[in-house]
N, C-alpha and C. Protein backbone atom coordinates (compact mmCIF):
# COMPACT_ATOMS: atom_id res chain seq x y z
N MET A 1 -24.05 28.52 7.80
CA MET A 1 -24.75 27.33 7.38
C MET A 1 -24.21 26.14 8.16
N ALA A 2 -25.09 25.22 8.54
CA ALA A 2 -24.70 24.05 9.31
C ALA A 2 -23.91 23.07 8.45
N ALA A 3 -23.03 22.36 9.08
CA ALA A 3 -22.21 21.37 8.37
C ALA A 3 -22.94 20.04 8.30
N THR A 4 -22.67 19.31 7.24
CA THR A 4 -23.15 17.94 7.09
C THR A 4 -21.96 17.04 7.37
N THR A 5 -22.16 16.06 8.25
CA THR A 5 -21.06 15.22 8.71
C THR A 5 -21.20 13.79 8.21
N TYR A 6 -20.08 13.24 7.78
CA TYR A 6 -19.99 11.84 7.39
C TYR A 6 -18.89 11.20 8.22
N THR A 7 -19.13 9.98 8.67
CA THR A 7 -18.14 9.28 9.48
C THR A 7 -17.86 7.90 8.88
N GLN A 8 -16.69 7.41 9.19
CA GLN A 8 -16.34 6.04 8.83
C GLN A 8 -15.25 5.56 9.77
N GLU A 9 -15.14 4.25 9.88
CA GLU A 9 -14.08 3.64 10.68
C GLU A 9 -13.30 2.68 9.80
N VAL A 10 -11.99 2.70 9.97
CA VAL A 10 -11.11 1.82 9.20
C VAL A 10 -10.30 1.00 10.20
N GLU A 11 -10.44 -0.32 10.12
CA GLU A 11 -9.66 -1.21 10.98
C GLU A 11 -8.25 -1.35 10.42
N CYS A 12 -7.28 -1.26 11.32
CA CYS A 12 -5.88 -1.33 10.91
C CYS A 12 -5.13 -2.32 11.80
N ALA A 13 -4.11 -2.94 11.24
CA ALA A 13 -3.30 -3.90 11.98
C ALA A 13 -2.23 -3.22 12.83
N THR A 14 -1.96 -1.96 12.55
CA THR A 14 -0.89 -1.21 13.21
C THR A 14 -1.40 -0.59 14.52
N PRO A 15 -0.60 -0.63 15.59
CA PRO A 15 -0.98 0.04 16.84
C PRO A 15 -1.13 1.55 16.64
N PRO A 16 -1.93 2.19 17.49
CA PRO A 16 -2.25 3.62 17.33
C PRO A 16 -1.05 4.56 17.23
N ALA A 17 -0.04 4.40 18.07
CA ALA A 17 1.08 5.36 18.07
C ALA A 17 1.80 5.39 16.73
N ARG A 18 2.10 4.23 16.17
CA ARG A 18 2.79 4.17 14.87
C ARG A 18 1.90 4.70 13.75
N LEU A 19 0.64 4.31 13.76
CA LEU A 19 -0.27 4.75 12.71
C LEU A 19 -0.45 6.26 12.75
N PHE A 20 -0.58 6.83 13.95
CA PHE A 20 -0.75 8.28 14.08
C PHE A 20 0.48 9.02 13.57
N LYS A 21 1.67 8.54 13.95
CA LYS A 21 2.90 9.20 13.48
C LYS A 21 2.95 9.24 11.96
N ALA A 22 2.65 8.11 11.33
CA ALA A 22 2.74 8.03 9.87
C ALA A 22 1.61 8.78 9.19
N LEU A 23 0.39 8.56 9.64
CA LEU A 23 -0.80 9.10 8.97
C LEU A 23 -1.00 10.59 9.23
N CYS A 24 -0.68 11.05 10.43
CA CYS A 24 -0.98 12.43 10.80
C CYS A 24 0.25 13.33 10.93
N LEU A 25 1.35 12.79 11.43
CA LEU A 25 2.51 13.65 11.68
C LEU A 25 3.52 13.67 10.53
N ASP A 26 3.61 12.60 9.78
CA ASP A 26 4.62 12.55 8.72
C ASP A 26 4.02 12.34 7.33
N ASN A 27 2.75 12.65 7.18
CA ASN A 27 2.11 12.42 5.87
C ASN A 27 2.73 13.27 4.77
N HIS A 28 3.33 14.39 5.14
CA HIS A 28 3.98 15.24 4.13
C HIS A 28 5.14 14.52 3.45
N ASN A 29 5.76 13.59 4.12
CA ASN A 29 6.82 12.78 3.52
C ASN A 29 6.29 11.46 2.95
N LEU A 30 5.37 10.86 3.68
CA LEU A 30 4.93 9.50 3.35
C LEU A 30 3.94 9.42 2.19
N PHE A 31 2.97 10.33 2.12
CA PHE A 31 1.95 10.24 1.07
C PHE A 31 2.53 10.27 -0.34
N PRO A 32 3.40 11.23 -0.67
CA PRO A 32 3.96 11.22 -2.04
C PRO A 32 4.78 9.96 -2.34
N LYS A 33 5.39 9.40 -1.31
CA LYS A 33 6.20 8.19 -1.47
C LYS A 33 5.31 6.96 -1.73
N LEU A 34 4.26 6.81 -0.93
CA LEU A 34 3.40 5.62 -1.03
C LEU A 34 2.32 5.75 -2.09
N LEU A 35 1.87 6.97 -2.36
CA LEU A 35 0.75 7.19 -3.27
C LEU A 35 1.09 8.25 -4.31
N PRO A 36 2.10 8.01 -5.14
CA PRO A 36 2.50 9.03 -6.11
C PRO A 36 1.42 9.33 -7.15
N GLU A 37 0.50 8.40 -7.35
CA GLU A 37 -0.60 8.65 -8.28
C GLU A 37 -1.62 9.62 -7.70
N SER A 38 -1.57 9.82 -6.39
CA SER A 38 -2.51 10.71 -5.71
C SER A 38 -1.87 11.99 -5.18
N PHE A 39 -0.57 11.94 -4.85
CA PHE A 39 0.11 13.09 -4.25
C PHE A 39 1.44 13.35 -4.95
N LYS A 40 1.56 14.53 -5.52
CA LYS A 40 2.83 14.94 -6.13
C LYS A 40 3.78 15.43 -5.04
N SER A 41 3.24 16.28 -4.15
CA SER A 41 4.05 16.80 -3.05
C SER A 41 3.14 17.34 -1.95
N VAL A 42 3.72 17.43 -0.76
CA VAL A 42 3.05 18.06 0.38
C VAL A 42 4.10 18.96 1.02
N GLU A 43 3.81 20.26 1.07
CA GLU A 43 4.78 21.20 1.62
C GLU A 43 4.10 22.14 2.61
N PHE A 44 4.86 22.55 3.61
CA PHE A 44 4.32 23.49 4.59
C PHE A 44 4.48 24.91 4.09
N ILE A 45 3.38 25.64 4.05
CA ILE A 45 3.36 27.05 3.67
C ILE A 45 3.65 27.90 4.90
N GLN A 46 3.18 27.38 6.04
CA GLN A 46 3.35 28.08 7.32
C GLN A 46 3.47 27.03 8.41
N GLY A 47 4.46 27.15 9.29
CA GLY A 47 4.59 26.24 10.41
C GLY A 47 5.18 24.89 10.03
N ASP A 48 4.84 23.88 10.84
CA ASP A 48 5.36 22.53 10.62
C ASP A 48 4.32 21.50 11.05
N PHE A 49 4.71 20.24 11.01
CA PHE A 49 3.78 19.14 11.24
C PHE A 49 3.24 19.05 12.66
N LYS A 50 3.84 19.74 13.59
CA LYS A 50 3.42 19.59 14.98
C LYS A 50 2.85 20.87 15.60
N THR A 51 2.57 21.87 14.78
CA THR A 51 2.12 23.15 15.30
C THR A 51 0.71 23.48 14.82
N VAL A 52 -0.19 23.68 15.79
CA VAL A 52 -1.55 24.10 15.46
C VAL A 52 -1.48 25.45 14.74
N GLY A 53 -2.26 25.59 13.69
CA GLY A 53 -2.25 26.81 12.89
C GLY A 53 -1.38 26.69 11.65
N SER A 54 -0.58 25.63 11.59
CA SER A 54 0.26 25.41 10.41
C SER A 54 -0.62 25.15 9.18
N VAL A 55 -0.09 25.53 8.02
CA VAL A 55 -0.81 25.33 6.76
C VAL A 55 0.08 24.56 5.82
N LYS A 56 -0.48 23.51 5.22
CA LYS A 56 0.28 22.76 4.23
C LYS A 56 -0.48 22.71 2.92
N LYS A 57 0.29 22.67 1.85
CA LYS A 57 -0.28 22.61 0.50
C LYS A 57 -0.02 21.23 -0.07
N LEU A 58 -1.09 20.56 -0.48
CA LEU A 58 -0.99 19.28 -1.15
C LEU A 58 -1.12 19.53 -2.64
N SER A 59 -0.13 19.11 -3.39
CA SER A 59 -0.17 19.24 -4.85
C SER A 59 -0.41 17.85 -5.42
N PHE A 60 -1.31 17.80 -6.40
CA PHE A 60 -1.67 16.52 -6.99
C PHE A 60 -1.00 16.37 -8.36
N PRO A 61 -0.71 15.14 -8.77
CA PRO A 61 0.01 14.94 -10.03
C PRO A 61 -0.85 15.20 -11.27
N GLU A 62 -0.18 15.36 -12.39
CA GLU A 62 -0.87 15.53 -13.66
C GLU A 62 -1.78 14.32 -13.88
N GLY A 63 -2.98 14.58 -14.38
CA GLY A 63 -3.94 13.51 -14.60
C GLY A 63 -4.88 13.30 -13.43
N HIS A 64 -4.55 13.87 -12.28
CA HIS A 64 -5.42 13.81 -11.10
C HIS A 64 -6.57 14.79 -11.32
N PRO A 65 -7.76 14.51 -10.80
CA PRO A 65 -8.89 15.42 -11.04
C PRO A 65 -8.71 16.82 -10.42
N TYR A 66 -7.80 16.96 -9.45
CA TYR A 66 -7.60 18.25 -8.80
C TYR A 66 -6.14 18.67 -8.90
N LYS A 67 -5.91 19.97 -8.69
CA LYS A 67 -4.54 20.49 -8.75
C LYS A 67 -3.91 20.61 -7.37
N TYR A 68 -4.69 21.15 -6.41
CA TYR A 68 -4.11 21.35 -5.08
C TYR A 68 -5.19 21.52 -4.02
N ALA A 69 -4.75 21.43 -2.77
CA ALA A 69 -5.59 21.71 -1.61
C ALA A 69 -4.69 22.30 -0.53
N LYS A 70 -5.25 23.19 0.28
CA LYS A 70 -4.52 23.70 1.44
C LYS A 70 -5.26 23.26 2.70
N HIS A 71 -4.49 22.74 3.64
CA HIS A 71 -5.02 22.27 4.91
C HIS A 71 -4.41 23.09 6.05
N ARG A 72 -5.26 23.47 7.00
CA ARG A 72 -4.80 24.16 8.21
C ARG A 72 -4.98 23.20 9.39
N ILE A 73 -3.95 23.01 10.18
CA ILE A 73 -4.04 22.16 11.36
C ILE A 73 -4.75 22.94 12.46
N ASP A 74 -5.90 22.42 12.90
CA ASP A 74 -6.71 23.10 13.91
C ASP A 74 -6.47 22.57 15.32
N GLU A 75 -6.31 21.26 15.43
CA GLU A 75 -6.06 20.63 16.73
C GLU A 75 -5.12 19.45 16.50
N LEU A 76 -4.27 19.20 17.48
CA LEU A 76 -3.33 18.09 17.39
C LEU A 76 -3.05 17.59 18.80
N ASP A 77 -3.43 16.36 19.09
CA ASP A 77 -3.21 15.76 20.39
C ASP A 77 -2.44 14.45 20.17
N VAL A 78 -1.12 14.52 20.29
CA VAL A 78 -0.29 13.36 20.01
C VAL A 78 -0.40 12.28 21.09
N VAL A 79 -0.81 12.66 22.29
CA VAL A 79 -0.97 11.69 23.37
C VAL A 79 -2.21 10.82 23.14
N ASN A 80 -3.28 11.45 22.67
CA ASN A 80 -4.55 10.74 22.46
C ASN A 80 -4.82 10.42 20.99
N PHE A 81 -3.82 10.61 20.14
CA PHE A 81 -3.88 10.25 18.72
C PHE A 81 -5.08 10.88 18.01
N TYR A 82 -5.17 12.20 18.14
CA TYR A 82 -6.28 12.95 17.55
C TYR A 82 -5.74 14.12 16.73
N SER A 83 -6.31 14.30 15.56
CA SER A 83 -5.94 15.41 14.70
C SER A 83 -7.20 15.99 14.06
N LYS A 84 -7.22 17.29 13.95
CA LYS A 84 -8.32 17.98 13.28
C LYS A 84 -7.71 19.03 12.37
N TYR A 85 -8.11 18.99 11.10
CA TYR A 85 -7.60 19.98 10.15
C TYR A 85 -8.72 20.39 9.21
N THR A 86 -8.56 21.56 8.60
CA THR A 86 -9.57 22.12 7.71
C THR A 86 -9.00 22.34 6.33
N THR A 87 -9.72 21.86 5.32
CA THR A 87 -9.39 22.20 3.94
C THR A 87 -9.96 23.58 3.70
N THR A 88 -9.07 24.55 3.49
CA THR A 88 -9.48 25.95 3.40
C THR A 88 -9.45 26.51 1.98
N GLU A 89 -8.75 25.80 1.10
CA GLU A 89 -8.56 26.34 -0.25
C GLU A 89 -8.23 25.21 -1.21
N GLY A 90 -8.55 25.43 -2.48
CA GLY A 90 -8.18 24.48 -3.53
C GLY A 90 -9.37 24.06 -4.36
N ASP A 91 -9.07 23.51 -5.53
CA ASP A 91 -10.15 23.08 -6.40
C ASP A 91 -10.88 21.85 -5.87
N VAL A 92 -10.34 21.21 -4.84
CA VAL A 92 -11.05 20.09 -4.20
C VAL A 92 -12.35 20.56 -3.55
N LEU A 93 -12.47 21.85 -3.30
CA LEU A 93 -13.69 22.39 -2.69
C LEU A 93 -14.81 22.58 -3.72
N HIS A 94 -14.50 22.37 -4.98
CA HIS A 94 -15.49 22.42 -6.07
C HIS A 94 -16.24 23.74 -6.18
N GLY A 95 -15.82 24.76 -5.47
CA GLY A 95 -16.55 26.02 -5.48
C GLY A 95 -17.88 25.94 -4.75
N LYS A 96 -18.16 24.80 -4.12
CA LYS A 96 -19.43 24.64 -3.42
C LYS A 96 -19.29 24.49 -1.90
N TYR A 97 -18.06 24.26 -1.45
CA TYR A 97 -17.84 24.14 -0.02
C TYR A 97 -17.09 25.36 0.49
N GLU A 98 -17.60 25.94 1.59
CA GLU A 98 -16.85 27.02 2.25
C GLU A 98 -15.53 26.44 2.76
N HIS A 99 -15.66 25.30 3.41
CA HIS A 99 -14.50 24.57 3.92
C HIS A 99 -14.96 23.16 4.29
N VAL A 100 -13.98 22.30 4.50
CA VAL A 100 -14.26 20.93 4.92
C VAL A 100 -13.35 20.63 6.10
N VAL A 101 -13.95 20.20 7.21
CA VAL A 101 -13.19 19.90 8.42
C VAL A 101 -13.06 18.38 8.54
N HIS A 102 -11.84 17.92 8.81
CA HIS A 102 -11.54 16.50 8.92
C HIS A 102 -11.05 16.21 10.35
N GLU A 103 -11.60 15.18 10.95
CA GLU A 103 -11.14 14.74 12.27
C GLU A 103 -10.69 13.30 12.18
N ILE A 104 -9.55 13.02 12.79
CA ILE A 104 -9.00 11.67 12.83
C ILE A 104 -8.73 11.33 14.28
N LYS A 105 -9.29 10.22 14.73
CA LYS A 105 -9.05 9.73 16.08
C LYS A 105 -8.69 8.25 15.95
N ILE A 106 -7.52 7.89 16.45
CA ILE A 106 -7.07 6.51 16.35
C ILE A 106 -7.11 5.89 17.74
N VAL A 107 -7.82 4.76 17.85
CA VAL A 107 -7.97 4.08 19.13
C VAL A 107 -7.46 2.65 19.01
N ALA A 108 -6.99 2.12 20.13
CA ALA A 108 -6.49 0.75 20.16
C ALA A 108 -7.64 -0.23 19.95
N SER A 109 -7.33 -1.33 19.28
CA SER A 109 -8.28 -2.41 19.07
C SER A 109 -7.48 -3.69 18.91
N GLY A 110 -7.49 -4.53 19.95
CA GLY A 110 -6.66 -5.73 19.93
C GLY A 110 -5.20 -5.33 19.82
N THR A 111 -4.48 -5.92 18.88
CA THR A 111 -3.07 -5.56 18.67
C THR A 111 -2.93 -4.45 17.64
N GLY A 112 -4.03 -4.02 17.06
CA GLY A 112 -4.02 -2.97 16.04
C GLY A 112 -4.76 -1.74 16.51
N SER A 113 -5.53 -1.16 15.60
CA SER A 113 -6.26 0.06 15.94
C SER A 113 -7.45 0.24 15.01
N ILE A 114 -8.28 1.18 15.39
CA ILE A 114 -9.39 1.62 14.55
C ILE A 114 -9.18 3.11 14.32
N CYS A 115 -9.19 3.49 13.07
CA CYS A 115 -9.05 4.89 12.68
C CYS A 115 -10.46 5.43 12.45
N LYS A 116 -10.89 6.32 13.35
CA LYS A 116 -12.22 6.91 13.26
C LYS A 116 -12.11 8.24 12.53
N LEU A 117 -12.81 8.35 11.43
CA LEU A 117 -12.72 9.53 10.57
C LEU A 117 -14.06 10.23 10.48
N SER A 118 -14.04 11.53 10.71
CA SER A 118 -15.25 12.35 10.55
C SER A 118 -14.91 13.48 9.60
N THR A 119 -15.82 13.73 8.66
CA THR A 119 -15.64 14.82 7.71
C THR A 119 -16.87 15.69 7.75
N HIS A 120 -16.67 17.00 7.96
CA HIS A 120 -17.77 17.96 8.10
C HIS A 120 -17.72 18.92 6.91
N PHE A 121 -18.76 18.89 6.10
CA PHE A 121 -18.84 19.73 4.90
C PHE A 121 -19.71 20.95 5.17
N THR A 122 -19.18 22.14 4.99
CA THR A 122 -19.96 23.37 5.09
C THR A 122 -20.10 23.95 3.69
N LEU A 123 -21.33 24.01 3.21
CA LEU A 123 -21.62 24.45 1.85
C LEU A 123 -21.71 25.96 1.74
N VAL A 124 -21.37 26.48 0.57
CA VAL A 124 -21.64 27.89 0.28
C VAL A 124 -23.14 28.01 0.02
N ALA A 125 -23.67 29.20 0.17
CA ALA A 125 -25.11 29.42 -0.02
C ALA A 125 -25.55 28.93 -1.39
N GLY A 126 -26.63 28.16 -1.41
CA GLY A 126 -27.22 27.69 -2.65
C GLY A 126 -26.63 26.40 -3.20
N ALA A 127 -25.55 25.91 -2.61
CA ALA A 127 -24.92 24.67 -3.10
C ALA A 127 -25.57 23.45 -2.47
N THR A 128 -25.46 22.32 -3.14
CA THR A 128 -26.00 21.06 -2.60
C THR A 128 -24.91 20.01 -2.60
N LEU A 129 -25.03 19.08 -1.66
CA LEU A 129 -24.08 17.98 -1.56
C LEU A 129 -24.32 16.98 -2.68
N ASN A 130 -23.25 16.43 -3.20
CA ASN A 130 -23.33 15.37 -4.19
C ASN A 130 -22.91 14.08 -3.48
N GLU A 131 -23.88 13.22 -3.20
CA GLU A 131 -23.61 12.00 -2.43
C GLU A 131 -22.55 11.13 -3.10
N GLU A 132 -22.55 11.08 -4.42
CA GLU A 132 -21.57 10.26 -5.14
C GLU A 132 -20.15 10.80 -4.92
N GLU A 133 -19.98 12.12 -4.96
CA GLU A 133 -18.67 12.73 -4.69
C GLU A 133 -18.20 12.40 -3.28
N ILE A 134 -19.14 12.45 -2.33
CA ILE A 134 -18.81 12.16 -0.93
C ILE A 134 -18.34 10.71 -0.81
N LYS A 135 -19.06 9.81 -1.44
CA LYS A 135 -18.73 8.39 -1.41
C LYS A 135 -17.33 8.14 -1.99
N VAL A 136 -17.04 8.76 -3.12
CA VAL A 136 -15.73 8.62 -3.75
C VAL A 136 -14.64 9.16 -2.82
N GLY A 137 -14.89 10.30 -2.21
CA GLY A 137 -13.93 10.89 -1.27
C GLY A 137 -13.67 9.99 -0.08
N GLN A 138 -14.72 9.39 0.46
CA GLN A 138 -14.55 8.50 1.60
C GLN A 138 -13.74 7.26 1.21
N GLU A 139 -13.97 6.76 0.03
CA GLU A 139 -13.19 5.60 -0.44
C GLU A 139 -11.72 5.96 -0.60
N LYS A 140 -11.44 7.17 -1.07
CA LYS A 140 -10.05 7.61 -1.21
C LYS A 140 -9.37 7.71 0.15
N ILE A 141 -10.09 8.25 1.13
CA ILE A 141 -9.53 8.36 2.48
C ILE A 141 -9.26 6.97 3.05
N LYS A 142 -10.19 6.05 2.83
CA LYS A 142 -10.01 4.68 3.31
C LYS A 142 -8.79 4.05 2.63
N LYS A 143 -8.62 4.27 1.33
CA LYS A 143 -7.48 3.71 0.60
C LYS A 143 -6.17 4.26 1.15
N ILE A 144 -6.12 5.55 1.41
CA ILE A 144 -4.91 6.16 1.97
C ILE A 144 -4.57 5.52 3.31
N THR A 145 -5.58 5.40 4.17
CA THR A 145 -5.38 4.82 5.50
C THR A 145 -4.89 3.38 5.40
N LYS A 146 -5.51 2.58 4.55
CA LYS A 146 -5.12 1.18 4.39
C LYS A 146 -3.72 1.06 3.78
N THR A 147 -3.38 1.94 2.85
CA THR A 147 -2.05 1.91 2.24
C THR A 147 -0.98 2.20 3.27
N VAL A 148 -1.21 3.18 4.13
CA VAL A 148 -0.26 3.50 5.20
C VAL A 148 -0.15 2.32 6.15
N ASP A 149 -1.28 1.73 6.53
CA ASP A 149 -1.28 0.58 7.43
C ASP A 149 -0.48 -0.58 6.82
N GLU A 150 -0.72 -0.87 5.55
CA GLU A 150 0.00 -1.96 4.89
C GLU A 150 1.51 -1.69 4.85
N TYR A 151 1.87 -0.45 4.61
CA TYR A 151 3.29 -0.07 4.61
C TYR A 151 3.91 -0.32 5.99
N LEU A 152 3.20 0.06 7.04
CA LEU A 152 3.71 -0.11 8.40
C LEU A 152 3.83 -1.58 8.78
N VAL A 153 2.88 -2.40 8.35
CA VAL A 153 2.95 -3.84 8.61
C VAL A 153 4.16 -4.44 7.90
N ALA A 154 4.39 -4.03 6.66
CA ALA A 154 5.51 -4.54 5.88
C ALA A 154 6.87 -4.00 6.34
N ASN A 155 6.85 -2.88 7.07
CA ASN A 155 8.08 -2.23 7.54
C ASN A 155 7.97 -1.96 9.04
N PRO A 156 8.10 -3.02 9.87
CA PRO A 156 7.87 -2.87 11.31
C PRO A 156 8.79 -1.88 12.02
N GLN A 157 9.93 -1.55 11.42
CA GLN A 157 10.83 -0.58 12.03
C GLN A 157 10.38 0.86 11.76
N ALA A 158 9.56 1.08 10.76
CA ALA A 158 9.13 2.43 10.40
C ALA A 158 8.20 3.01 11.47
N TYR A 159 8.52 4.20 11.92
CA TYR A 159 7.71 4.93 12.91
C TYR A 159 7.58 4.19 14.23
N ALA A 160 8.55 3.34 14.55
CA ALA A 160 8.51 2.57 15.80
C ALA A 160 8.92 3.43 16.97
């Protein structure tokens, strides 16, 4: 089945290299610290943060609508600030998505950057997309990105 793609761009004050390190390479440490209401823990099941094929499990805190998600790193280009990973398992798939592919490309813009996000949803047979769920998910991704950016602005030594 063909994937349905949604894109968004988030303007950030942080230059691409620092934002990429924090958002893509060290999110397993940073997300639970900055967003404890959204992330209980992020742990590697296989591999590490810099190896294609690695799998990490995101556990969500009590009271969160989901329990966990597993992400597989599909592509990682640290020179060009690009990451591609697939959500392969977890209740975040709602039983209606085969998988969800996420692409992050960070490009320079003035003294900061633009985080270009693409999400590709592949549905299981007979399932339909819920536009409201997609909208909520995109807002969560934007919030995560902005929270990391704000942290980096407030802590200029972090990920320098």
